[in-house]
């Protein structure tokens, strides 16, 4: 995979998460994944998960 391809993907992720830099992407994605893992551990289906 080329460096330019990675940069394009990172920019798209940043745009979707409305992040200003890669650090914000890391923080926001950790929060998102943390909520999903927490809800899954509680046995909640995605439709009942807490946003």
N, C-alpha and C. Protein backbone atom coordinates (compact mmCIF):
# COMPACT_ATOMS: atom_id res chain seq x y z
N UNK A 1 0.85 -1.17 0.00
CA UNK A 1 0.00 0.00 0.00
C UNK A 1 0.90 1.23 0.00
N UNK A 2 0.57 2.15 -0.86
CA UNK A 2 1.36 3.38 -0.99
C UNK A 2 1.05 4.36 0.13
N UNK A 3 2.01 5.19 0.44
CA UNK A 3 1.83 6.23 1.45
C UNK A 3 0.68 7.15 1.09
N UNK A 4 0.56 7.47 -0.19
CA UNK A 4 -0.51 8.37 -0.62
C UNK A 4 -1.90 7.74 -0.38
N UNK A 5 -2.00 6.44 -0.54
CA UNK A 5 -3.27 5.74 -0.28
C UNK A 5 -3.63 5.82 1.19
N UNK A 6 -2.66 5.64 2.04
CA UNK A 6 -2.89 5.72 3.49
C UNK A 6 -3.34 7.12 3.86
N UNK A 7 -2.68 8.13 3.29
CA UNK A 7 -3.05 9.52 3.59
C UNK A 7 -4.49 9.82 3.18
N UNK A 8 -4.91 9.30 2.04
CA UNK A 8 -6.29 9.51 1.58
C UNK A 8 -7.27 8.88 2.57
N UNK A 9 -6.99 7.66 3.00
CA UNK A 9 -7.87 6.98 3.94
C UNK A 9 -7.92 7.71 5.28
N UNK A 10 -6.77 8.16 5.75
CA UNK A 10 -6.73 8.88 7.03
C UNK A 10 -7.53 10.17 6.93
N UNK A 11 -7.39 10.89 5.83
CA UNK A 11 -8.17 12.13 5.64
C UNK A 11 -9.67 11.86 5.63
N UNK A 12 -10.07 10.78 5.00
CA UNK A 12 -11.50 10.43 4.96
C UNK A 12 -12.02 10.08 6.35
N UNK A 13 -11.23 9.36 7.11
CA UNK A 13 -11.62 9.04 8.48
C UNK A 13 -11.73 10.32 9.31
N UNK A 14 -10.75 11.21 9.15
CA UNK A 14 -10.78 12.49 9.88
C UNK A 14 -12.04 13.28 9.55
N UNK A 15 -12.41 13.29 8.27
CA UNK A 15 -13.59 14.03 7.85
C UNK A 15 -14.85 13.43 8.46
N UNK A 16 -14.98 12.10 8.43
CA UNK A 16 -16.16 11.44 8.98
C UNK A 16 -16.30 11.65 10.48
N UNK A 17 -15.17 11.69 11.18
CA UNK A 17 -15.19 11.88 12.63
C UNK A 17 -15.16 13.36 13.01
N UNK A 18 -15.05 14.23 12.01
CA UNK A 18 -14.93 15.67 12.25
C UNK A 18 -13.75 15.97 13.18
N UNK A 19 -12.64 15.32 12.90
CA UNK A 19 -11.42 15.49 13.69
C UNK A 19 -10.47 16.43 12.97
N UNK A 20 -9.75 17.22 13.75
CA UNK A 20 -8.81 18.18 13.18
C UNK A 20 -7.43 17.58 12.95
N UNK A 21 -7.12 16.49 13.66
CA UNK A 21 -5.82 15.86 13.51
C UNK A 21 -5.90 14.38 13.90
N UNK A 22 -4.81 13.65 13.71
CA UNK A 22 -4.81 12.21 13.99
C UNK A 22 -5.00 11.91 15.46
N UNK A 23 -4.57 12.81 16.33
CA UNK A 23 -4.76 12.60 17.76
C UNK A 23 -6.25 12.60 18.10
N UNK A 24 -6.99 13.54 17.51
CA UNK A 24 -8.44 13.57 17.73
C UNK A 24 -9.10 12.31 17.19
N UNK A 25 -8.61 11.80 16.07
CA UNK A 25 -9.14 10.55 15.52
C UNK A 25 -8.94 9.42 16.54
N UNK A 26 -7.76 9.36 17.13
CA UNK A 26 -7.48 8.31 18.11
C UNK A 26 -8.40 8.42 19.32
N UNK A 27 -8.58 9.63 19.83
CA UNK A 27 -9.42 9.84 21.01
C UNK A 27 -10.87 9.51 20.70
N UNK A 28 -11.38 10.03 19.58
CA UNK A 28 -12.78 9.80 19.22
C UNK A 28 -13.04 8.32 18.92
N UNK A 29 -12.14 7.68 18.21
CA UNK A 29 -12.37 6.27 17.88
C UNK A 29 -12.29 5.40 19.12
N UNK A 30 -11.42 5.75 20.07
CA UNK A 30 -11.35 5.00 21.31
C UNK A 30 -12.66 5.13 22.09
N UNK A 31 -13.22 6.33 22.11
CA UNK A 31 -14.50 6.53 22.79
C UNK A 31 -15.60 5.74 22.10
N UNK A 32 -15.63 5.78 20.77
CA UNK A 32 -16.65 5.05 20.02
C UNK A 32 -16.51 3.56 20.26
N UNK A 33 -15.31 3.05 20.13
CA UNK A 33 -15.09 1.61 20.33
C UNK A 33 -15.34 1.21 21.76
N UNK A 34 -14.98 2.08 22.69
CA UNK A 34 -15.23 1.79 24.11
C UNK A 34 -16.70 1.65 24.40
N UNK A 35 -17.53 2.51 23.82
CA UNK A 35 -18.98 2.43 24.01
C UNK A 35 -19.52 1.16 23.39
N UNK A 36 -19.05 0.82 22.20
CA UNK A 36 -19.54 -0.38 21.53
C UNK A 36 -19.15 -1.62 22.31
N UNK A 37 -17.93 -1.67 22.82
CA UNK A 37 -17.49 -2.83 23.59
C UNK A 37 -18.26 -2.93 24.90
N UNK A 38 -18.50 -1.77 25.52
CA UNK A 38 -19.26 -1.77 26.77
C UNK A 38 -20.67 -2.29 26.55
N UNK A 39 -21.32 -1.80 25.51
CA UNK A 39 -22.68 -2.22 25.21
C UNK A 39 -22.73 -3.70 24.85
N UNK A 40 -21.74 -4.16 24.11
CA UNK A 40 -21.70 -5.58 23.74
C UNK A 40 -21.50 -6.44 24.97
N UNK A 41 -20.68 -5.97 25.90
CA UNK A 41 -20.44 -6.73 27.13
C UNK A 41 -21.70 -6.82 27.97
N UNK A 42 -22.55 -5.80 27.88
CA UNK A 42 -23.80 -5.80 28.63
C UNK A 42 -24.87 -6.60 27.91
N UNK A 43 -24.56 -7.06 26.70
CA UNK A 43 -25.52 -7.84 25.95
C UNK A 43 -26.57 -7.02 25.23
N UNK A 44 -26.31 -5.72 25.05
CA UNK A 44 -27.27 -4.85 24.38
C UNK A 44 -27.11 -4.96 22.86
N UNK A 45 -28.21 -5.13 22.14
CA UNK A 45 -28.10 -5.05 20.70
C UNK A 45 -27.81 -3.61 20.27
N UNK A 46 -27.29 -3.44 19.07
CA UNK A 46 -26.93 -2.10 18.59
C UNK A 46 -28.10 -1.13 18.63
N UNK A 47 -29.31 -1.64 18.41
CA UNK A 47 -30.48 -0.75 18.38
C UNK A 47 -30.80 -0.17 19.75
N UNK A 48 -30.33 -0.81 20.84
CA UNK A 48 -30.58 -0.33 22.19
C UNK A 48 -29.37 0.29 22.84
N UNK A 49 -28.27 0.34 22.12
CA UNK A 49 -27.02 0.85 22.68
C UNK A 49 -27.14 2.34 22.98
N UNK A 50 -26.42 2.74 24.00
CA UNK A 50 -26.41 4.15 24.40
C UNK A 50 -25.48 4.92 23.47
N UNK A 51 -25.94 6.04 22.89
CA UNK A 51 -25.07 6.80 21.98
C UNK A 51 -23.93 7.47 22.71
